[in-house]
C-alpha atoms as a PDB file:
ATOM      1  CA  MET A   1     -20.914-188.881 -69.001  1.00  0.00           C
ATOM      2  CA  SER A   2     -23.119-186.759 -67.072  1.00  0.00           C
ATOM      3  CA  ALA A   3     -25.306-184.086 -68.741  1.00  0.00           C
ATOM      4  CA  TRP A   4     -23.915-181.384 -66.636  1.00  0.00           C
ATOM      5  CA  ILE A   5     -20.560-181.917 -67.915  1.00  0.00           C
ATOM      6  CA  GLU A   6     -19.004-180.629 -71.132  1.00  0.00           C
ATOM      7  CA  LEU A   7     -15.777-182.539 -71.916  1.00  0.00           C
ATOM      8  CA  ASP A   8     -13.262-181.538 -74.544  1.00  0.00           C
ATOM      9  CA  ARG A   9     -11.035-184.674 -74.750  1.00  0.00           C
ATOM     10  CA  ALA A  10      -8.602-183.206 -77.210  1.00  0.00           C
ATOM     11  CA  SER A  11      -7.846-180.221 -75.217  1.00  0.00           C
ATOM     12  CA  LEU A  12      -8.170-182.018 -71.844  1.00  0.00           C
ATOM     13  CA  LEU A  13     -10.780-179.480 -70.419  1.00  0.00           C
ATOM     14  CA  VAL A  14     -13.990-179.959 -68.787  1.00  0.00           C
ATOM     15  CA  HIS A  15     -16.657-177.289 -68.436  1.00  0.00           C
ATOM     16  CA  VAL A  16     -18.987-177.438 -65.300  1.00  0.00           C
ATOM     17  CA  PRO A  17     -21.487-175.226 -63.590  1.00  0.00           C
ATOM     18  CA  ALA A  18     -20.120-173.708 -60.368  1.00  0.00           C
ATOM     19  CA  ASN A  19     -22.832-175.370 -58.151  1.00  0.00           C
ATOM     20  CA  VAL A  20     -21.627-178.941 -59.065  1.00  0.00           C
ATOM     21  CA  SER A  21     -19.904-180.963 -56.194  1.00  0.00           C
ATOM     22  CA  LEU A  22     -16.365-181.361 -56.699  1.00  0.00           C
ATOM     23  CA  TYR A  23     -16.717-184.966 -55.503  1.00  0.00           C
ATOM     24  CA  ASP A  24     -19.464-185.771 -58.146  1.00  0.00           C
ATOM     25  CA  LEU A  25     -17.190-184.178 -60.661  1.00  0.00           C
ATOM     26  CA  GLU A  26     -14.322-186.300 -59.879  1.00  0.00           C
ATOM     27  CA  ARG A  27     -16.304-189.473 -59.990  1.00  0.00           C
ATOM     28  CA  ALA A  28     -17.797-188.663 -63.440  1.00  0.00           C
ATOM     29  CA  LEU A  29     -14.195-187.998 -64.612  1.00  0.00           C
ATOM     30  CA  ALA A  30     -13.039-191.109 -63.288  1.00  0.00           C
ATOM     31  CA  ASP A  31     -15.381-192.984 -65.307  1.00  0.00           C
ATOM     32  CA  GLU A  32     -13.823-191.387 -68.288  1.00  0.00           C
ATOM     33  CA  GLY A  33     -10.151-192.191 -67.086  1.00  0.00           C
ATOM     34  CA  LEU A  34      -9.705-188.776 -66.224  1.00  0.00           C
ATOM     35  CA  ALA A  35      -9.176-186.590 -63.024  1.00  0.00           C
ATOM     36  CA  ILE A  36      -8.580-183.069 -61.800  1.00  0.00           C
ATOM     37  CA  GLY A  37      -6.437-184.645 -59.128  1.00  0.00           C
ATOM     38  CA  VAL A  38      -8.063-183.449 -55.933  1.00  0.00           C
ATOM     39  CA  GLU A  39      -7.049-185.647 -52.893  1.00  0.00           C
ATOM     40  CA  PRO A  40      -9.602-186.074 -51.340  1.00  0.00           C
ATOM     41  CA  ALA A  41     -12.304-184.454 -53.379  1.00  0.00           C
ATOM     42  CA  PRO A  42     -14.540-182.651 -51.027  1.00  0.00           C
ATOM     43  CA  ALA A  43     -18.369-182.695 -51.297  1.00  0.00           C
ATOM     44  CA  SER A  44     -18.444-178.881 -51.495  1.00  0.00           C
ATOM     45  CA  SER A  45     -19.449-177.025 -54.661  1.00  0.00           C
ATOM     46  CA  VAL A  46     -16.793-176.232 -57.227  1.00  0.00           C
ATOM     47  CA  ALA A  47     -17.386-172.452 -56.402  1.00  0.00           C
ATOM     48  CA  ALA A  48     -17.068-173.060 -52.686  1.00  0.00           C
ATOM     49  CA  TRP A  49     -13.778-175.219 -53.138  1.00  0.00           C
ATOM     50  CA  LEU A  50     -12.067-172.631 -55.441  1.00  0.00           C
ATOM     51  CA  GLU A  51     -13.286-169.649 -53.220  1.00  0.00           C
ATOM     52  CA  ALA A  52     -11.621-171.650 -50.233  1.00  0.00           C
ATOM     53  CA  GLY A  53      -8.220-171.657 -52.031  1.00  0.00           C
ATOM     54  CA  ALA A  54      -8.566-175.178 -53.782  1.00  0.00           C
ATOM     55  CA  PRO A  55      -7.549-177.064 -50.733  1.00  0.00           C
ATOM     56  CA  GLY A  56      -6.162-180.599 -51.759  1.00  0.00           C
ATOM     57  CA  ALA A  57      -5.136-179.475 -55.373  1.00  0.00           C
ATOM     58  CA  ARG A  58      -1.842-180.315 -56.647  1.00  0.00           C
ATOM     59  CA  ASN A  59       1.101-177.754 -55.979  1.00  0.00           C
ATOM     60  CA  PRO A  60       0.916-175.378 -58.908  1.00  0.00           C
ATOM     61  CA  TRP A  61       4.865-175.354 -58.637  1.00  0.00           C
ATOM     62  CA  LEU A  62       5.039-179.029 -59.668  1.00  0.00           C
ATOM     63  CA  ASP A  63       4.341-177.680 -63.145  1.00  0.00           C
ATOM     64  CA  PRO A  64       4.337-173.987 -63.384  1.00  0.00           C
ATOM     65  CA  ALA A  65       3.076-174.202 -67.105  1.00  0.00           C
ATOM     66  CA  ASP A  66       0.108-176.299 -66.206  1.00  0.00           C
ATOM     67  CA  HIS A  67      -3.091-174.936 -64.450  1.00  0.00           C
ATOM     68  CA  LEU A  68      -6.029-176.042 -62.550  1.00  0.00           C
ATOM     69  CA  VAL A  69      -8.644-173.428 -63.900  1.00  0.00           C
ATOM     70  CA  ALA A  70      -8.447-172.938 -67.588  1.00  0.00           C
ATOM     71  CA  GLY A  71     -11.280-170.329 -67.711  1.00  0.00           C
ATOM     72  CA  PHE A  72     -14.394-169.436 -65.912  1.00  0.00           C
ATOM     73  CA  SER A  73     -17.728-167.207 -66.098  1.00  0.00           C
ATOM     74  CA  ALA A  74     -18.928-165.036 -63.217  1.00  0.00           C
ATOM     75  CA  ARG A  75     -20.645-162.087 -62.359  1.00  0.00           C
ATOM     76  CA  ILE A  76     -18.966-159.065 -60.619  1.00  0.00           C
ATOM     77  CA  LYS A  77     -20.741-158.456 -57.199  1.00  0.00           C
ATOM     78  CA  ALA A  78     -20.580-154.775 -57.341  1.00  0.00           C
ATOM     79  CA  SER A  79     -22.067-154.290 -60.761  1.00  0.00           C
ATOM     80  CA  GLY A  80     -23.513-157.643 -61.821  1.00  0.00           C
ATOM     81  CA  ASP A  81     -21.652-157.430 -65.047  1.00  0.00           C
ATOM     82  CA  ALA A  82     -20.441-160.557 -66.597  1.00  0.00           C
ATOM     83  CA  PHE A  83     -16.740-161.470 -66.336  1.00  0.00           C
ATOM     84  CA  VAL A  84     -15.696-164.238 -68.535  1.00  0.00           C
ATOM     85  CA  ILE A  85     -12.134-165.771 -69.146  1.00  0.00           C
ATOM     86  CA  GLN A  86     -12.293-168.144 -72.197  1.00  0.00           C
ATOM     87  CA  PRO A  87     -10.405-171.363 -71.716  1.00  0.00           C
ATOM     88  CA  ALA A  88      -6.936-171.415 -73.278  1.00  0.00           C
ATOM     89  CA  PRO A  89      -3.528-173.108 -72.881  1.00  0.00           C
ATOM     90  CA  ARG A  90      -1.655-171.685 -69.894  1.00  0.00           C
ATOM     91  CA  ARG A  91       1.380-170.733 -71.772  1.00  0.00           C
ATOM     92  CA  ALA A  92      -0.696-168.711 -74.275  1.00  0.00           C
ATOM     93  CA  VAL A  93      -2.659-166.442 -71.998  1.00  0.00           C
ATOM     94  CA  GLY A  94      -0.225-164.462 -69.969  1.00  0.00           C
ATOM     95  CA  PRO A  95      -1.145-163.559 -66.384  1.00  0.00           C
ATOM     96  CA  ASP A  96      -3.101-166.169 -64.533  1.00  0.00           C
ATOM     97  CA  LEU A  97      -6.451-164.383 -64.144  1.00  0.00           C
ATOM     98  CA  GLY A  98      -7.883-167.606 -62.639  1.00  0.00           C
ATOM     99  CA  SER A  99      -6.244-166.530 -59.397  1.00  0.00           C
ATOM    100  CA  VAL A 100      -8.703-163.706 -59.256  1.00  0.00           C
ATOM    101  CA  LEU A 101     -11.201-166.111 -57.964  1.00  0.00           C
ATOM    102  CA  THR A 102      -9.030-168.745 -56.143  1.00  0.00           C
ATOM    103  CA  GLY A 103      -9.150-168.106 -52.283  1.00  0.00           C
ATOM    104  CA  LEU A 104     -11.055-164.876 -52.384  1.00  0.00           C
ATOM    105  CA  ARG A 105     -14.144-166.360 -50.635  1.00  0.00           C
ATOM    106  CA  GLY A 106     -16.467-164.909 -53.255  1.00  0.00           C
ATOM    107  CA  ARG A 107     -15.661-161.311 -52.359  1.00  0.00           C
ATOM    108  CA  PHE A 108     -15.598-159.900 -55.851  1.00  0.00           C
ATOM    109  CA  LEU A 109     -17.126-162.414 -58.048  1.00  0.00           C
ATOM    110  CA  THR A 110     -20.024-164.924 -58.013  1.00  0.00           C
ATOM    111  CA  LEU A 111     -18.943-167.989 -60.042  1.00  0.00           C
ATOM    112  CA  ASP A 112     -21.434-169.277 -62.771  1.00  0.00           C
ATOM    113  CA  SER A 113     -19.159-172.066 -64.395  1.00  0.00           C
ATOM    114  CA  VAL A 114     -15.621-173.230 -64.573  1.00  0.00           C
ATOM    115  CA  TRP A 115     -13.324-174.772 -67.326  1.00  0.00           C
ATOM    116  CA  PHE A 116     -10.861-177.018 -65.416  1.00  0.00           C
ATOM    117  CA  ARG A 117      -7.747-178.599 -66.812  1.00  0.00           C
ATOM    118  CA  VAL A 118      -7.940-182.377 -66.517  1.00  0.00           C
ATOM    119  CA  HIS A 119      -5.340-185.039 -66.820  1.00  0.00           C
ATOM    120  CA  ARG A 120      -5.436-188.792 -67.685  1.00  0.00           C
ATOM    121  CA  ALA A 121      -5.779-190.778 -64.569  1.00  0.00           C
ATOM    122  CA  ASP A 122      -2.880-193.074 -65.565  1.00  0.00           C
ATOM    123  CA  ALA A 123      -0.435-190.201 -66.769  1.00  0.00           C
ATOM    124  CA  THR A 124       2.880-189.767 -65.036  1.00  0.00           C
ATOM    125  CA  ARG A 125       3.040-186.293 -63.523  1.00  0.00           C
ATOM    126  CA  PRO A 126       5.805-184.592 -61.710  1.00  0.00           C
ATOM    127  CA  LYS A 127       6.077-185.279 -57.919  1.00  0.00           C
ATOM    128  CA  THR A 128       8.780-182.736 -57.020  1.00  0.00           C
ATOM    129  CA  ALA A 129       8.940-179.017 -57.766  1.00  0.00           C
ATOM    130  CA  PRO A 130      11.901-177.742 -59.804  1.00  0.00           C
ATOM    131  CA  PHE A 131      12.246-174.487 -57.679  1.00  0.00           C
ATOM    132  CA  GLU A 132      11.278-175.956 -54.391  1.00  0.00           C
ATOM    133  CA  SER A 133      13.757-175.890 -51.332  1.00  0.00           C
ATOM    134  CA  THR A 134      13.630-176.337 -47.527  1.00  0.00           C
ATOM    135  CA  ASP A 135      14.631-173.622 -45.147  1.00  0.00           C
ATOM    136  CA  ASP A 136      17.848-175.624 -44.124  1.00  0.00           C
ATOM    137  CA  GLU A 137      19.056-175.893 -47.585  1.00  0.00           C
ATOM    138  CA  GLU A 138      21.962-173.882 -48.903  1.00  0.00           C
ATOM    139  CA  PRO A 139      20.920-171.694 -51.998  1.00  0.00           C
ATOM    140  CA  PRO A 140      22.317-173.100 -55.406  1.00  0.00           C
ATOM    141  CA  PHE A 141      24.068-169.873 -56.072  1.00  0.00           C
END
């Protein structure tokens, strides 16, 4: 395992600096039989990927209680103050404050590090969303 990765196997969490390449992170996790699950993993930094909206990440509606970002540390751009969301199980933390950084293109925060939820590479995960429908389907009620 690379020196820049802090892996908590029991909680399936990985802590990485925001400037790490997502591609390098996925390769390092693959050596451990784990994955974030980005297809394909871009060579951009973790920060740039999250700020762009995490393209290629799994649809969050496939498991609404799961989460991509479990926690992060950042600096508020306007004041320079530290902003930290400690990693915690998604079901235990209330609102998804990780959404504050995803897709905002770095407007408010400068990301320092991220805690990602990882999964075992061989684990079976949902492939369909329980609440998903197409426009031509009749509502179930």
